[in-house]
């Protein structure tokens, strides 16, 4: 959950909106306002799990829900940059944002994707264009397609950097069972206040909860 504070690299502490706006050493005030607005939209809903929570380390998703999630300015700036590129490429590919959801009795799985011309799209902002699509992004796109009932003909993954962009076709695959199992596991852990097992998917060294994770058992 976002508690209204972010990590400031300049002062090496967490600061709130007023502190950040009054300082504005890193970025213009209007940009900072946009960043905080975007973070306020990211509040989690009980018994409702997003695709991006389920395809990453479940312990990370667990910590994000029970502890204050405090992004740094560079992280939020990257999010805003992604939105800017997304808006441009969305118009070029003639797509529109759609909301997807599927009920599973005790919980719901949701996602927001881009669709157009019978295809599902996922746009990713990266520093360096990959030669192959990242597996996590592949399953993210397949997850959106599964939530839609596999109604789309093509799944298209678009990476864009500051210099160029590249496009990959993603194979269709029904991953509904995978999503349900992941969501049920996270749901039960939150319900019983029990941490999920740690999953080493290459994010541990960059995880903001790595200290809490290392101090925990399991």
Foldseek 3Di string as FASTA:
>chain_A
DAPQWAAEPVVRGIDHLVVCLVVCPPHHNVVSVVLSVVVVVPQDDAQEAELLCLLDWVLLSLCVNPDHDHHHPVVSVQVVVQVVVCVVVCVVVVWDKDKFWDDDVRGIYIYIWIDDPLETEDEEEDADADPDDDPSVLVSQLARCLRVVVRGDWYKYKYDYPPGIDIDTHDHDNCPVSSVVSSVVSNVCNVVVHGDDGDPPPCLVPRPCNVVVVPDDD
